[in-house]
Amino acid sequence: HVRDAKTTLPIPITSLEYRYYAMSSSESSRSEHLSPALPPAGRHWGIILLWLLPALALLLVFAYGFLTREPADSDDTAPRIGKPLANFTLPDLQGRSVQLAALRGKVVFVNVWATWCPPCVEEMPTIQQLYERLHSRGLEILAVSLDALGEQVVAPFVQSRRLNFPTLLDTKNLVQRLYHTTGVPESFIVDKRGILVDKVVGPRDWAHPQLLAQFERLLAMPATD
């Protein structure tokens, strides 16, 4: 989400036209005795603009910095490419707690899904193929279900489709809030250092050669810089 802010400045008046009307010599002489000569109005405006324009420019610099600043990491857990993916702990179908941070040193594929989501159901067989192809080489998959009924609906779904990769239950939508997801499916690819390298919104054919090659490159990389 990109917020964009535009500031429009009023266009200053750069030229003023003055008309001077001649007075009679007697009127002119009388006025000179009554009051001292006043500086032209244009000079007043020039002095004002000389001080006002730098102040406006400084104000714009501060406004731009405020609007484009990065939110503090402690206050925002939204996933960002090149940054560590926020940790979570959820139960699997056997009731065991699974923690993302415990998988540091492995490439992790986090898939947020639900049984009532047709695109999620469509991509599940390709996730199984990905798991069978690369799990032995260090790939871990965490399929996070957002189903409110939890194991009651997820366990039969997994069994009927013979899915054997880890499936986690998120009945309170913890990951949805943590990762600021807006729908399902959404997927996150994390390298061995725990850094997010890709975020995918919507379904994919995860067994496609190009995606397999992407995972293979990550698996070949060292766990440290």
Protein backbone atom coordinates (compact mmCIF):
# COMPACT_ATOMS: atom_id res chain seq x y z
CA HIS A 1 0.00 0.00 0.00
CA VAL A 2 1.36 3.06 -1.08
CA ARG A 3 0.24 6.22 0.17
CA ASP A 4 0.86 9.10 -2.02
CA ALA A 5 0.65 12.70 -0.91
CA LYS A 6 0.79 15.70 -3.21
CA THR A 7 1.17 19.27 -2.04
CA THR A 8 0.04 22.04 -4.34
CA LEU A 9 1.44 25.49 -3.75
CA PRO A 10 -0.32 28.64 -4.75
CA ILE A 11 1.43 30.34 -7.66
CA PRO A 12 2.96 33.59 -6.35
CA ILE A 13 2.33 36.77 -8.22
CA THR A 14 5.62 37.58 -9.93
CA SER A 15 4.80 40.95 -11.44
CA LEU A 16 2.59 43.81 -10.45
CA GLU A 17 1.56 46.72 -12.61
CA TYR A 18 1.34 50.13 -10.99
CA ARG A 19 -0.17 53.27 -12.49
CA TYR A 20 0.88 56.61 -11.25
CA TYR A 21 -1.29 59.72 -11.69
CA ALA A 22 0.33 63.15 -11.76
CA MET A 23 -0.82 65.69 -9.29
CA SER A 24 -0.67 69.42 -9.64
CA SER A 25 2.48 71.03 -8.34
CA SER A 26 0.60 72.64 -5.47
CA GLU A 27 -0.98 69.33 -4.43
CA SER A 28 2.35 67.55 -4.72
CA SER A 29 4.13 70.18 -2.67
CA ARG A 30 1.40 70.15 -0.03
CA SER A 31 1.47 66.35 0.28
CA GLU A 32 5.25 66.31 0.69
CA HIS A 33 4.93 68.57 3.71
CA LEU A 34 2.14 66.52 5.25
CA SER A 35 3.71 63.01 5.15
CA PRO A 36 7.03 61.35 4.33
CA ALA A 37 7.42 59.45 1.06
CA LEU A 38 6.31 55.76 1.25
CA PRO A 39 8.31 52.96 -0.39
CA PRO A 40 6.67 51.33 -3.43
CA ALA A 41 4.22 48.53 -2.56
CA GLY A 42 6.15 46.12 -4.79
CA ARG A 43 9.17 46.44 -2.54
CA HIS A 44 7.07 45.35 0.45
CA TRP A 45 5.91 42.23 -1.41
CA GLY A 46 9.44 41.43 -2.50
CA ILE A 47 10.71 41.48 1.09
CA ILE A 48 7.80 39.32 2.27
CA LEU A 49 8.35 36.72 -0.45
CA LEU A 50 12.10 36.73 0.24
CA TRP A 51 11.40 35.45 3.78
CA LEU A 52 8.27 33.41 3.05
CA LEU A 53 9.52 31.17 0.21
CA PRO A 54 12.45 29.60 2.14
CA ALA A 55 10.11 28.92 5.06
CA LEU A 56 7.60 27.19 2.77
CA ALA A 57 10.38 25.12 1.18
CA LEU A 58 11.56 23.98 4.62
CA LEU A 59 8.00 23.10 5.61
CA LEU A 60 7.60 20.97 2.48
CA VAL A 61 10.82 19.08 3.26
CA PHE A 62 9.55 18.21 6.74
CA ALA A 63 6.11 17.24 5.39
CA TYR A 64 7.65 14.95 2.76
CA GLY A 65 9.84 13.27 5.36
CA PHE A 66 6.85 12.71 7.65
CA LEU A 67 4.61 11.25 4.93
CA THR A 68 7.27 8.91 3.50
CA ARG A 69 8.84 7.69 6.75
CA GLU A 70 9.04 3.94 7.38
CA PRO A 71 6.80 2.70 10.21
CA ALA A 72 8.67 1.44 13.25
CA ASP A 73 9.38 -2.27 13.16
CA SER A 74 8.04 -2.70 16.69
CA ASP A 75 4.66 -1.33 15.68
CA ASP A 76 4.21 -2.95 12.29
CA THR A 77 4.59 -6.65 11.50
CA ALA A 78 3.45 -6.39 7.87
CA PRO A 79 5.72 -8.53 5.67
CA ARG A 80 8.39 -6.66 3.72
CA ILE A 81 10.66 -8.15 1.08
CA GLY A 82 14.23 -8.27 2.41
CA LYS A 83 13.12 -8.15 6.06
CA PRO A 84 12.64 -11.02 8.56
CA LEU A 85 9.15 -12.50 8.49
CA ALA A 86 7.38 -12.11 11.84
CA ASN A 87 7.38 -15.24 13.98
CA PHE A 88 4.26 -17.16 14.99
CA THR A 89 3.38 -20.33 16.90
CA LEU A 90 0.35 -22.45 15.99
CA PRO A 91 -0.84 -26.03 16.63
CA ASP A 92 -0.80 -28.68 13.93
CA LEU A 93 -3.45 -31.36 13.40
CA GLN A 94 -1.80 -33.54 16.05
CA GLY A 95 -1.93 -30.73 18.64
CA ARG A 96 1.82 -30.04 18.57
CA SER A 97 3.01 -26.44 18.60
CA VAL A 98 4.93 -25.37 15.51
CA GLN A 99 7.04 -22.20 15.55
CA LEU A 100 8.25 -20.47 12.39
CA ALA A 101 11.46 -19.24 14.04
CA ALA A 102 12.42 -22.84 14.91
CA LEU A 103 12.82 -23.55 11.19
CA ARG A 104 15.69 -21.06 10.77
CA GLY A 105 18.31 -22.61 8.49
CA LYS A 106 15.67 -24.03 6.13
CA VAL A 107 13.72 -22.55 3.24
CA VAL A 108 10.12 -22.16 4.40
CA PHE A 109 6.97 -21.84 2.32
CA VAL A 110 4.06 -20.39 4.32
CA ASN A 111 0.65 -20.74 2.67
CA VAL A 112 -2.40 -19.02 4.22
CA TRP A 113 -5.57 -20.78 3.08
CA ALA A 114 -9.05 -22.11 3.99
CA THR A 115 -11.14 -25.12 3.00
CA TRP A 116 -14.00 -22.85 1.82
CA CYS A 117 -11.70 -21.07 -0.67
CA PRO A 118 -11.91 -22.59 -4.20
CA PRO A 119 -8.55 -21.14 -5.40
CA CYS A 120 -6.90 -22.57 -2.29
CA VAL A 121 -8.35 -26.00 -2.99
CA GLU A 122 -7.20 -25.73 -6.60
CA GLU A 123 -3.55 -25.12 -5.74
CA MET A 124 -3.28 -27.72 -2.95
CA PRO A 125 -2.22 -30.62 -5.24
CA THR A 126 0.64 -28.51 -6.62
CA ILE A 127 1.79 -27.68 -3.07
CA GLN A 128 1.85 -31.42 -2.36
CA GLN A 129 3.98 -31.95 -5.48
CA LEU A 130 6.35 -29.19 -4.36
CA TYR A 131 6.67 -30.81 -0.94
CA GLU A 132 7.38 -34.26 -2.38
CA ARG A 133 9.96 -32.82 -4.76
CA LEU A 134 12.01 -30.64 -2.41
CA HIS A 135 11.27 -31.56 1.22
CA SER A 136 14.18 -33.99 1.33
CA ARG A 137 16.48 -31.15 0.24
CA GLY A 138 15.45 -28.85 3.10
CA LEU A 139 12.18 -27.23 2.08
CA GLU A 140 9.56 -26.87 4.82
CA ILE A 141 5.91 -26.08 4.15
CA LEU A 142 3.50 -24.60 6.68
CA ALA A 143 -0.10 -24.50 5.41
CA VAL A 144 -1.95 -22.18 7.81
CA SER A 145 -5.70 -22.80 7.78
CA LEU A 146 -8.00 -19.90 8.74
CA ASP A 147 -11.05 -22.16 9.14
CA ALA A 148 -13.01 -21.14 12.24
CA LEU A 149 -14.00 -24.79 12.91
CA GLY A 150 -10.37 -25.88 12.89
CA GLU A 151 -9.59 -29.59 12.97
CA GLN A 152 -13.26 -30.49 12.52
CA VAL A 153 -13.16 -29.44 8.85
CA VAL A 154 -9.42 -29.33 8.10
CA ALA A 155 -8.56 -32.92 9.09
CA PRO A 156 -11.13 -34.54 6.72
CA PHE A 157 -10.05 -32.19 3.93
CA VAL A 158 -6.37 -33.11 4.31
CA GLN A 159 -7.10 -36.83 4.55
CA SER A 160 -9.38 -36.92 1.52
CA ARG A 161 -6.71 -35.25 -0.63
CA ARG A 162 -3.78 -37.19 0.86
CA LEU A 163 -1.84 -34.09 1.83
CA ASN A 164 1.09 -34.90 4.12
CA PHE A 165 2.81 -31.52 4.50
CA PRO A 166 2.37 -29.76 7.89
CA THR A 167 -1.02 -28.09 8.28
CA LEU A 168 -1.52 -25.57 11.08
CA LEU A 169 -4.77 -24.37 12.65
CA ASP A 170 -5.31 -20.63 13.04
CA THR A 171 -8.90 -20.42 14.29
CA LYS A 172 -8.33 -16.93 15.78
CA ASN A 173 -6.81 -15.44 12.61
CA LEU A 174 -3.49 -14.69 14.29
CA VAL A 175 -1.49 -14.87 11.06
CA GLN A 176 -4.08 -12.83 9.19
CA ARG A 177 -3.56 -9.96 11.63
CA LEU A 178 0.19 -10.48 11.94
CA TYR A 179 0.82 -10.47 8.18
CA HIS A 180 -1.98 -8.04 7.27
CA THR A 181 -3.40 -10.46 4.72
CA THR A 182 -6.50 -9.34 2.84
CA GLY A 183 -7.72 -12.68 1.50
CA VAL A 184 -6.79 -16.27 0.71
CA PRO A 185 -4.65 -17.76 -0.58
CA GLU A 186 -1.57 -15.71 0.23
CA SER A 187 1.89 -17.25 0.30
CA PHE A 188 5.25 -16.21 1.76
CA ILE A 189 8.65 -17.62 0.79
CA VAL A 190 11.36 -17.33 3.45
CA ASP A 191 15.05 -18.07 2.95
CA LYS A 192 17.36 -19.91 5.34
CA ARG A 193 18.08 -16.68 7.27
CA GLY A 194 14.39 -16.10 7.98
CA ILE A 195 14.24 -13.26 5.41
CA LEU A 196 11.14 -12.84 3.25
CA VAL A 197 12.15 -13.15 -0.40
CA ASP A 198 8.72 -13.27 -2.04
CA LYS A 199 5.05 -12.70 -1.30
CA VAL A 200 2.40 -14.13 -3.63
CA VAL A 201 -1.25 -13.11 -3.58
CA GLY A 202 -3.60 -15.60 -5.21
CA PRO A 203 -3.19 -19.21 -6.38
CA ARG A 204 -0.22 -20.55 -8.30
CA ASP A 205 0.93 -23.80 -9.88
CA TRP A 206 3.65 -24.42 -7.30
CA ALA A 207 4.97 -27.38 -9.28
CA HIS A 208 5.72 -25.19 -12.32
CA PRO A 209 9.38 -25.47 -13.45
CA GLN A 210 10.04 -21.75 -12.93
CA LEU A 211 8.82 -21.85 -9.34
CA LEU A 212 10.69 -25.07 -8.67
CA ALA A 213 13.85 -23.40 -9.96
CA GLN A 214 13.28 -20.46 -7.59
CA PHE A 215 13.06 -22.79 -4.59
CA GLU A 216 16.11 -24.75 -5.76
CA ARG A 217 18.17 -21.54 -5.92
CA LEU A 218 17.17 -20.68 -2.36
CA LEU A 219 18.01 -24.19 -1.17
CA ALA A 220 21.47 -23.88 -2.73
CA MET A 221 22.24 -20.65 -0.88
CA PRO A 222 24.12 -20.71 2.46
CA ALA A 223 22.24 -20.16 5.70
CA THR A 224 24.36 -17.10 6.53
CA ASP A 225 25.49 -14.05 4.56
